Amino acid sequence: MSGLHGEFFSYKDFRQSLHHRPLSPKVWSHAQLTDMRQTLENADVDIVALATAPTLHGCEVTPGVAMAMQWLNPGTELKGHAHAWWHLFIIQSGHGSLTLGDAGPVAVSPGDVLLVPAWTTHGFSNRDGNETLAMLNLSNMPQMALLANFADSHGLITTPA
């Protein structure tokens, strides 16, 4: 029955563990991102999470926030969807359109900054473009995952019988 017994930590150490590790500056170069994208399987939508450490925990680049590069190839569409986290997209290159809620498509191009609030239906299209639509994507997905895990572990999320 080894491995069945729990571990103990002082309450003081436990409270200290709740503080996030100090952040250190990071740079993701354009050349590295280009190389990373080329190693990805050729899909219509390529997404790679940016991390501050070589672990999945490093994907939370700052407390509660994740960052990713997202590429939408010419002639493709990311259908409208909604979820519990917000997005902040910064268009890096290419041209396309964004749909938000019931509004019609909005043209997007390099330098545009797009805020998509939580639970807002959103999608992208690069149907008419000749180049890949590249977007830097920030979100509070790690924060929402922690809240969902907390709620689930405390019986706050139930499913109908």
Protein backbone atom coordinates (compact mmCIF):
# COMPACT_ATOMS: atom_id res chain seq x y z
CA MET A 1 0.00 0.00 0.00
CA SER A 2 2.90 2.35 -0.52
CA GLY A 3 2.01 5.68 -2.08
CA LEU A 4 -1.36 5.68 -0.35
CA HIS A 5 -0.38 7.93 2.52
CA GLY A 6 -0.64 11.68 2.16
CA GLU A 7 2.02 14.27 2.83
CA PHE A 8 2.11 17.16 5.30
CA PHE A 9 3.27 20.75 5.01
CA SER A 10 3.12 23.54 7.52
CA TYR A 11 0.29 25.97 6.96
CA LYS A 12 2.87 28.74 6.55
CA ASP A 13 4.59 26.80 3.71
CA PHE A 14 1.23 26.02 2.14
CA ARG A 15 0.29 29.71 2.13
CA GLN A 16 3.68 30.59 0.64
CA SER A 17 3.07 28.06 -2.15
CA LEU A 18 -0.02 30.02 -3.18
CA HIS A 19 2.17 32.95 -4.20
CA HIS A 20 3.25 32.77 -7.80
CA ARG A 21 6.89 32.38 -8.62
CA PRO A 22 8.72 35.55 -9.56
CA LEU A 23 8.46 36.34 -13.24
CA SER A 24 11.53 36.82 -15.37
CA PRO A 25 11.69 38.53 -18.75
CA LYS A 26 11.30 36.29 -21.80
CA VAL A 27 11.66 36.83 -25.54
CA TRP A 28 10.08 34.68 -28.25
CA SER A 29 11.80 35.72 -31.46
CA HIS A 30 10.08 35.88 -34.83
CA ALA A 31 12.62 33.36 -36.16
CA GLN A 32 11.81 30.88 -33.34
CA LEU A 33 8.07 31.26 -33.94
CA THR A 34 8.57 30.72 -37.66
CA ASP A 35 10.64 27.60 -37.03
CA MET A 36 8.07 26.30 -34.53
CA ARG A 37 5.24 26.79 -36.97
CA GLN A 38 7.11 24.88 -39.66
CA THR A 39 7.49 21.90 -37.31
CA LEU A 40 3.75 21.74 -36.69
CA GLU A 41 1.64 19.39 -38.71
CA ASN A 42 0.19 21.21 -41.71
CA ALA A 43 -3.31 21.99 -40.45
CA ASP A 44 -5.77 24.72 -41.33
CA VAL A 45 -5.30 26.29 -37.90
CA ASP A 46 -1.95 26.01 -36.10
CA ILE A 47 -1.71 27.10 -32.47
CA VAL A 48 1.34 26.93 -30.21
CA ALA A 49 1.34 27.99 -26.56
CA LEU A 50 4.20 30.26 -25.48
CA ALA A 51 5.76 29.25 -22.17
CA THR A 52 8.19 30.75 -19.67
CA ALA A 53 9.57 27.32 -18.64
CA PRO A 54 9.90 23.91 -20.33
CA THR A 55 6.87 22.55 -18.47
CA LEU A 56 3.13 22.82 -18.95
CA HIS A 57 3.06 25.07 -15.86
CA GLY A 58 5.23 27.46 -17.86
CA CYS A 59 2.26 28.06 -20.19
CA GLU A 60 0.83 30.35 -17.54
CA VAL A 61 3.13 33.19 -18.58
CA THR A 62 1.90 35.51 -15.85
CA PRO A 63 -0.53 34.63 -13.04
CA GLY A 64 -3.80 33.47 -14.61
CA VAL A 65 -2.81 34.38 -18.19
CA ALA A 66 -1.74 32.25 -21.16
CA MET A 67 -0.25 33.40 -24.44
CA ALA A 68 -0.26 31.65 -27.80
CA MET A 69 0.51 32.26 -31.45
CA GLN A 70 -2.31 31.27 -33.75
CA TRP A 71 -2.13 30.92 -37.53
CA LEU A 72 -5.09 30.60 -39.88
CA ASN A 73 -4.10 29.48 -43.36
CA PRO A 74 -5.58 31.09 -46.49
CA GLY A 75 -8.96 29.70 -47.49
CA THR A 76 -9.86 28.50 -43.99
CA GLU A 77 -12.27 29.47 -41.25
CA LEU A 78 -12.34 28.99 -37.48
CA LYS A 79 -16.06 28.59 -36.81
CA GLY A 80 -17.79 30.65 -34.15
CA HIS A 81 -17.51 29.32 -30.61
CA ALA A 82 -17.73 30.64 -27.05
CA HIS A 83 -16.12 29.73 -23.73
CA ALA A 84 -15.55 30.96 -20.18
CA TRP A 85 -12.31 32.85 -20.82
CA TRP A 86 -11.61 36.13 -22.57
CA HIS A 87 -9.17 36.63 -25.45
CA LEU A 88 -7.05 39.55 -26.47
CA PHE A 89 -5.88 39.04 -30.06
CA ILE A 90 -3.20 41.17 -31.71
CA ILE A 91 -3.04 40.68 -35.47
CA GLN A 92 0.59 40.17 -36.52
CA SER A 93 0.25 39.58 -40.27
CA GLY A 94 -2.29 38.73 -42.92
CA HIS A 95 -5.85 39.90 -43.38
CA GLY A 96 -9.15 38.29 -42.53
CA SER A 97 -12.38 38.84 -40.70
CA LEU A 98 -13.66 38.38 -37.17
CA THR A 99 -17.24 37.65 -36.19
CA LEU A 100 -18.39 38.66 -32.71
CA GLY A 101 -21.78 37.60 -31.43
CA ASP A 102 -24.57 38.48 -33.85
CA ALA A 103 -22.62 41.28 -35.53
CA GLY A 104 -21.47 40.98 -39.11
CA PRO A 105 -17.84 40.24 -39.99
CA VAL A 106 -15.24 42.88 -39.12
CA ALA A 107 -12.12 43.17 -41.28
CA VAL A 108 -8.85 42.61 -39.38
CA SER A 109 -5.29 43.44 -40.43
CA PRO A 110 -1.82 43.81 -38.90
CA GLY A 111 -1.72 45.95 -35.79
CA ASP A 112 -5.41 45.47 -34.92
CA VAL A 113 -6.12 44.61 -31.28
CA LEU A 114 -9.29 42.60 -30.62
CA LEU A 115 -10.93 42.06 -27.23
CA VAL A 116 -13.31 39.10 -27.05
CA PRO A 117 -15.10 39.01 -23.66
CA ALA A 118 -15.86 35.66 -22.03
CA TRP A 119 -18.92 33.84 -23.42
CA THR A 120 -18.90 35.96 -26.59
CA THR A 121 -19.31 33.85 -29.72
CA HIS A 122 -16.34 34.55 -31.96
CA GLY A 123 -14.70 33.13 -35.07
CA PHE A 124 -12.16 34.04 -37.72
CA SER A 125 -12.11 33.69 -41.47
CA ASN A 126 -9.21 33.86 -43.87
CA ARG A 127 -11.35 32.83 -46.87
CA ASP A 128 -10.23 35.65 -49.14
CA GLY A 129 -6.65 36.04 -47.97
CA ASN A 130 -3.52 35.12 -49.88
CA GLU A 131 -1.32 34.91 -46.79
CA THR A 132 -1.62 33.29 -43.38
CA LEU A 133 -3.48 35.28 -40.75
CA ALA A 134 -1.14 35.34 -37.72
CA MET A 135 -2.47 36.37 -34.31
CA LEU A 136 -0.93 36.73 -30.87
CA ASN A 137 -3.56 35.42 -28.45
CA LEU A 138 -3.66 36.24 -24.74
CA SER A 139 -6.33 34.71 -22.50
CA ASN A 140 -7.22 34.01 -18.91
CA MET A 141 -7.70 30.29 -19.62
CA PRO A 142 -5.40 29.19 -16.72
CA GLN A 143 -7.39 31.32 -14.28
CA MET A 144 -10.69 29.88 -15.48
CA ALA A 145 -9.32 26.32 -15.31
CA LEU A 146 -8.28 26.88 -11.69
CA LEU A 147 -11.70 28.26 -10.82
CA ALA A 148 -13.45 25.34 -12.53
CA ASN A 149 -11.21 22.80 -10.78
CA PHE A 150 -11.89 24.51 -7.45
CA ALA A 151 -15.64 24.55 -8.03
CA ASP A 152 -15.65 20.92 -9.18
CA SER A 153 -13.57 19.74 -6.22
CA HIS A 154 -15.96 21.50 -3.82
CA GLY A 155 -19.13 20.03 -5.34
CA LEU A 156 -20.20 23.32 -6.89
CA ILE A 157 -20.46 21.81 -10.39
CA THR A 158 -23.18 19.20 -10.70
CA THR A 159 -24.67 17.32 -13.60
CA PRO A 160 -28.37 16.50 -13.96
CA ALA A 161 -29.30 12.94 -13.01
